[in-house]
N, C-alpha and C. Protein backbone atom coordinates (compact mmCIF):
# COMPACT_ATOMS: atom_id res chain seq x y z
N UNK A 1 -11.56 30.37 68.33
CA UNK A 1 -10.41 29.76 68.10
C UNK A 1 -9.50 29.79 69.45
N UNK A 2 -9.18 29.01 69.87
CA UNK A 2 -8.63 29.20 71.58
C UNK A 2 -7.19 29.55 71.16
N UNK A 3 -6.43 29.87 71.95
CA UNK A 3 -5.01 30.20 72.40
C UNK A 3 -4.24 28.80 72.67
N UNK A 4 -3.62 28.12 71.81
CA UNK A 4 -3.12 26.88 72.16
C UNK A 4 -1.52 27.01 71.54
N UNK A 5 -0.46 26.79 72.55
CA UNK A 5 0.72 26.72 72.40
C UNK A 5 1.04 25.77 71.40
N UNK A 6 2.22 25.67 70.39
CA UNK A 6 2.41 25.02 69.64
C UNK A 6 3.34 23.18 69.99
N UNK A 7 2.90 22.38 69.78
CA UNK A 7 2.76 21.23 70.15
C UNK A 7 4.50 21.08 70.54
N UNK A 8 5.09 20.15 71.30
CA UNK A 8 6.36 19.90 71.42
C UNK A 8 7.07 19.15 70.36
N UNK A 9 8.35 19.47 70.34
CA UNK A 9 8.98 18.55 68.95
C UNK A 9 8.88 17.31 68.83
N UNK A 10 8.39 16.72 67.94
CA UNK A 10 8.08 14.97 67.96
C UNK A 10 6.67 14.85 68.44
N UNK A 11 5.86 15.78 68.54
CA UNK A 11 4.36 15.35 68.90
C UNK A 11 3.60 15.80 67.70
N UNK A 12 3.86 15.76 66.56
CA UNK A 12 2.84 15.80 65.56
C UNK A 12 2.99 17.34 64.74
N UNK A 13 4.04 17.48 64.71
CA UNK A 13 4.27 19.14 63.85
C UNK A 13 3.28 20.20 63.76
N UNK A 14 2.82 20.87 62.82
CA UNK A 14 2.11 22.28 62.80
C UNK A 14 0.66 21.76 63.29
N UNK A 15 0.21 22.50 63.91
CA UNK A 15 -1.22 22.35 63.97
C UNK A 15 -2.32 22.98 62.88
N UNK A 16 -3.67 22.24 62.93
CA UNK A 16 -4.60 22.60 62.31
C UNK A 16 -5.62 23.30 63.00
N UNK A 17 -5.75 24.14 62.61
CA UNK A 17 -6.91 24.97 63.48
C UNK A 17 -8.19 24.73 63.12
N UNK A 18 -9.48 24.79 64.05
CA UNK A 18 -10.47 24.74 63.14
C UNK A 18 -11.11 25.59 62.29
N UNK A 19 -12.15 25.09 61.17
CA UNK A 19 -12.69 26.41 60.39
C UNK A 19 -13.84 26.92 60.72
N UNK A 20 -14.53 27.74 60.57
CA UNK A 20 -15.68 28.53 60.26
C UNK A 20 -16.23 28.36 58.91
N UNK A 21 -17.50 27.74 58.72
CA UNK A 21 -18.04 26.92 59.33
C UNK A 21 -17.08 25.55 59.78
N UNK A 22 -17.17 24.43 60.66
CA UNK A 22 -16.48 23.49 60.64
C UNK A 22 -16.58 22.17 60.04
N UNK A 23 -16.10 21.82 59.59
CA UNK A 23 -16.42 20.56 58.50
C UNK A 23 -17.04 19.54 59.32
N UNK A 24 -18.34 19.07 58.77
CA UNK A 24 -18.66 17.85 58.97
C UNK A 24 -17.89 16.52 59.20
N UNK A 25 -18.04 16.08 60.20
CA UNK A 25 -17.04 14.71 60.54
C UNK A 25 -17.71 13.49 59.63
N UNK A 26 -19.25 13.63 59.48
CA UNK A 26 -19.66 12.47 58.66
C UNK A 26 -19.17 12.78 57.01
N UNK A 27 -19.33 13.78 56.81
CA UNK A 27 -18.74 14.17 55.31
C UNK A 27 -17.24 13.50 55.39
N UNK A 28 -16.25 13.88 56.11
CA UNK A 28 -14.91 13.56 56.13
C UNK A 28 -15.05 12.15 56.16
N UNK A 29 -15.86 11.36 56.83
CA UNK A 29 -15.78 9.96 56.69
C UNK A 29 -16.13 9.47 55.62
N UNK A 30 -17.14 9.84 55.12
CA UNK A 30 -17.52 9.37 53.46
C UNK A 30 -16.56 9.69 52.64
N UNK A 31 -16.16 11.11 52.97
CA UNK A 31 -15.18 11.20 51.44
C UNK A 31 -13.94 10.34 51.48
N UNK A 32 -13.29 10.29 53.13
CA UNK A 32 -11.79 9.14 53.16
C UNK A 32 -12.82 7.96 52.60
N UNK A 33 -13.59 7.42 52.97
CA UNK A 33 -14.09 6.31 52.43
C UNK A 33 -13.84 6.01 50.99
N UNK A 34 -14.59 6.93 50.25
CA UNK A 34 -14.93 6.45 48.85
C UNK A 34 -13.66 7.25 48.02
N UNK A 35 -13.06 8.22 48.57
CA UNK A 35 -11.87 8.73 47.23
C UNK A 35 -10.53 8.47 48.01
N UNK A 36 -10.02 7.50 47.57
CA UNK A 36 -8.64 6.72 47.97
C UNK A 36 -8.20 7.25 49.22
N UNK A 37 -8.86 7.45 50.22
CA UNK A 37 -8.44 7.58 51.58
C UNK A 37 -8.01 9.17 52.11
N UNK A 38 -8.46 9.62 51.06
CA UNK A 38 -7.20 11.22 51.63
C UNK A 38 -8.24 12.44 51.23
N UNK A 39 -9.48 12.74 50.52
CA UNK A 39 -10.11 13.82 50.37
C UNK A 39 -10.27 14.66 51.36
N UNK A 40 -11.38 13.87 52.59
CA UNK A 40 -11.45 14.54 53.76
C UNK A 40 -10.40 15.09 54.23
N UNK A 41 -9.12 14.16 54.41
CA UNK A 41 -7.66 15.05 55.03
C UNK A 41 -7.46 16.40 54.65
N UNK A 42 -7.54 16.51 53.09
CA UNK A 42 -7.27 17.90 52.62
C UNK A 42 -8.67 18.82 52.74
N UNK A 43 -9.48 18.44 53.12
CA UNK A 43 -10.63 19.23 53.31
C UNK A 43 -10.40 19.73 54.90
N UNK A 44 -10.18 18.97 55.63
CA UNK A 44 -9.77 19.12 56.87
C UNK A 44 -8.34 20.20 57.26
N UNK A 45 -7.29 19.98 56.45
CA UNK A 45 -6.26 20.55 56.47
C UNK A 45 -4.91 19.61 56.54
N UNK A 46 -5.33 18.67 57.04
CA UNK A 46 -3.95 17.57 57.09
C UNK A 46 -3.56 17.22 55.90
N UNK A 47 -2.59 17.95 54.93
CA UNK A 47 -2.76 17.78 53.54
C UNK A 47 -1.70 16.69 53.22
N UNK A 48 -0.42 16.53 53.85
CA UNK A 48 0.44 15.50 54.02
C UNK A 48 -0.22 14.32 54.66
N UNK A 49 -0.75 14.08 55.35
CA UNK A 49 -1.74 12.98 56.04
C UNK A 49 -2.20 12.67 54.53
N UNK A 50 -2.85 13.13 53.79
CA UNK A 50 -3.74 12.84 52.59
C UNK A 50 -3.16 12.33 51.52
N UNK A 51 -1.72 13.24 51.53
CA UNK A 51 -1.05 12.72 50.37
C UNK A 51 -0.08 11.11 50.81
N UNK A 52 -0.10 11.07 52.02
CA UNK A 52 0.32 9.79 52.15
C UNK A 52 -0.58 8.80 52.22
N UNK A 53 -1.71 9.04 52.54
CA UNK A 53 -2.85 7.90 52.39
C UNK A 53 -3.35 7.70 51.00
N UNK A 54 -2.89 8.43 50.00
CA UNK A 54 -3.61 8.48 48.48
C UNK A 54 -2.54 7.48 47.77
N UNK A 55 -1.18 7.88 48.29
CA UNK A 55 -0.04 6.96 48.19
C UNK A 55 -0.08 5.59 48.55
N UNK A 56 -0.58 5.04 49.91
CA UNK A 56 -0.94 3.90 50.46
C UNK A 56 -1.86 3.47 49.81
N UNK A 57 -2.86 3.83 49.11
CA UNK A 57 -4.13 3.46 48.66
C UNK A 57 -3.80 2.95 47.34
N UNK A 58 -2.98 3.76 46.42
CA UNK A 58 -2.66 3.50 45.30
C UNK A 58 -1.42 2.28 45.25
N UNK A 59 -0.34 1.87 46.25
CA UNK A 59 0.31 1.08 46.14
C UNK A 59 -0.27 -0.35 46.50
N UNK A 60 -1.44 0.06 47.38
CA UNK A 60 -2.43 -1.21 47.78
C UNK A 60 -2.96 -1.78 46.88
N UNK A 61 -3.23 -0.77 45.74
CA UNK A 61 -3.74 -1.55 44.53
C UNK A 61 -3.46 -2.98 44.09
N UNK A 62 -2.03 -3.02 44.12
CA UNK A 62 -1.21 -4.32 44.13
C UNK A 62 -1.61 -5.45 45.05
N UNK A 63 -1.98 -5.32 45.87
CA UNK A 63 -2.71 -6.72 46.87
C UNK A 63 -4.24 -7.14 46.28
N UNK A 64 -4.50 -6.51 45.28
CA UNK A 64 -5.81 -6.77 44.73
C UNK A 64 -6.81 -6.20 45.37
N UNK A 65 -6.61 -4.64 46.13
CA UNK A 65 -7.14 -3.80 46.54
C UNK A 65 -7.42 -4.21 48.10
N UNK A 66 -6.89 -5.10 48.49
CA UNK A 66 -7.09 -5.29 50.18
C UNK A 66 -6.67 -4.01 50.84
N UNK A 67 -5.28 -3.77 50.77
CA UNK A 67 -4.60 -2.72 51.44
C UNK A 67 -5.26 -1.56 51.44
N UNK A 68 -5.77 -1.47 50.06
CA UNK A 68 -6.45 0.13 49.53
C UNK A 68 -7.55 0.34 50.29
N UNK A 69 -8.44 -1.19 50.48
CA UNK A 69 -9.36 -1.02 50.96
C UNK A 69 -9.28 -0.77 52.65
N UNK A 70 -8.26 -1.36 53.50
CA UNK A 70 -7.94 -1.24 54.89
C UNK A 70 -7.49 0.33 55.11
N UNK A 71 -6.95 0.98 53.92
CA UNK A 71 -6.44 2.30 54.30
C UNK A 71 -7.70 3.05 54.17
N UNK A 72 -8.59 2.77 53.05
CA UNK A 72 -9.54 3.77 53.17
C UNK A 72 -10.59 3.71 54.44
N UNK A 73 -10.45 2.67 54.99
CA UNK A 73 -11.48 2.32 56.40
C UNK A 73 -10.51 2.91 57.39
N UNK A 74 -9.32 2.63 57.70
CA UNK A 74 -8.71 3.40 58.85
C UNK A 74 -8.57 4.94 58.21
N UNK A 75 -8.23 5.66 57.16
CA UNK A 75 -8.73 6.86 57.16
C UNK A 75 -9.84 7.37 57.13
N UNK A 76 -10.71 6.76 56.99
CA UNK A 76 -12.31 7.21 57.34
C UNK A 76 -12.69 7.42 58.80
N UNK A 77 -12.17 6.30 59.69
CA UNK A 77 -12.33 6.59 60.86
C UNK A 77 -11.52 7.88 61.69
N UNK A 78 -9.88 7.57 61.18
CA UNK A 78 -9.52 8.82 61.56
C UNK A 78 -9.91 9.75 61.32
N UNK A 79 -10.25 10.46 59.89
CA UNK A 79 -10.83 11.36 59.51
C UNK A 79 -11.60 12.05 60.16
N UNK A 80 -12.54 11.11 60.79
CA UNK A 80 -13.82 11.45 61.44
C UNK A 80 -13.68 11.90 62.75
N UNK A 81 -12.93 11.23 63.60
CA UNK A 81 -12.32 11.57 64.86
C UNK A 81 -11.32 13.04 64.80
N UNK A 82 -10.49 13.31 63.57
CA UNK A 82 -10.09 14.59 63.47
C UNK A 82 -11.16 15.62 63.27
N UNK A 83 -11.95 15.53 62.54
CA UNK A 83 -13.04 16.36 62.38
C UNK A 83 -13.80 16.66 63.66
N UNK A 84 -14.03 15.82 64.34
CA UNK A 84 -14.97 15.89 65.39
C UNK A 84 -14.11 16.99 66.34
N UNK A 85 -12.68 16.11 66.51
CA UNK A 85 -12.15 17.29 67.46
C UNK A 85 -12.27 18.66 67.20
N UNK A 86 -11.94 18.66 65.83
CA UNK A 86 -11.89 20.43 64.93
C UNK A 86 -13.16 20.70 65.19
N UNK A 87 -14.38 20.43 65.00
CA UNK A 87 -15.57 20.51 65.33
C UNK A 87 -15.90 21.05 66.52
N UNK A 88 -15.06 20.38 67.58
CA UNK A 88 -15.42 20.58 68.93
C UNK A 88 -14.55 22.16 69.49
N UNK A 89 -13.89 22.68 68.45
CA UNK A 89 -13.25 24.18 68.44
C UNK A 89 -11.62 23.48 68.77
N UNK A 90 -11.12 22.40 68.87
CA UNK A 90 -9.82 22.27 69.19
C UNK A 90 -8.85 21.89 67.90
N UNK A 91 -7.51 22.26 68.21
CA UNK A 91 -6.52 22.64 66.91
C UNK A 91 -6.18 20.72 66.89
N UNK A 92 -5.79 20.20 66.00
CA UNK A 92 -5.18 18.87 65.76
C UNK A 92 -3.93 19.05 65.16
N UNK A 93 -2.77 18.38 65.72
CA UNK A 93 -1.52 18.28 64.53
C UNK A 93 -1.62 17.86 63.13
N UNK A 94 -0.34 18.00 62.29
CA UNK A 94 -0.64 17.23 61.29
C UNK A 94 -0.82 15.95 61.06
N UNK A 95 0.16 15.53 62.10
CA UNK A 95 0.05 14.00 62.40
C UNK A 95 -0.45 13.02 63.56
N UNK A 96 -1.27 14.03 63.92
CA UNK A 96 -2.57 13.41 64.80
C UNK A 96 -3.15 11.99 64.37
N UNK A 97 -3.22 11.07 64.81
CA UNK A 97 -3.93 9.83 64.47
C UNK A 97 -5.05 9.35 65.84
N UNK A 98 -6.36 9.24 64.98
CA UNK A 98 -7.26 8.60 65.64
C UNK A 98 -7.31 9.43 67.21
N UNK A 99 -7.27 9.00 68.16
CA UNK A 99 -7.78 10.10 69.33
C UNK A 99 -6.44 10.43 70.21
N UNK A 100 -4.80 10.36 69.67
CA UNK A 100 -3.99 10.66 70.45
C UNK A 100 -3.25 11.96 70.33
N UNK A 101 -4.74 12.89 70.67
CA UNK A 101 -4.47 14.40 70.61
C UNK A 101 -3.79 14.68 71.73
N UNK A 102 -2.62 15.16 71.91
CA UNK A 102 -1.74 15.48 73.02
C UNK A 102 -1.34 17.26 72.97
C-alpha cells in the first residue's frame, strides 16, 4: 500500500485502499452487471455508491427496466475501472467514477 494523502475537499470523499488479495476486475464487472448494479461496489469498498446504484436500479424498474439496465451497464463498466485501479495498488475515492482519479 502506498502512502497517499487524503483527497482535497470536494474530490470524492474517503479513500478506498487496495485489498490483499485484490478483487478481480472482471468479477466486479459481472457482479455489478447481474446484481442490481451494486454487489461489485460493496466488494471493493464503495458502499455508498453501491447503495445509490441499487436505489437507482429499483426506481428504474418503473421504466419497464430500461433505466435499470442502463444503471447495471454503467455500474459494471465503472466497477471494472475502479477494481482495475485498486488492483494496480492505487486507492480510489468513494465517489470516483470511471477514470476520474484525482
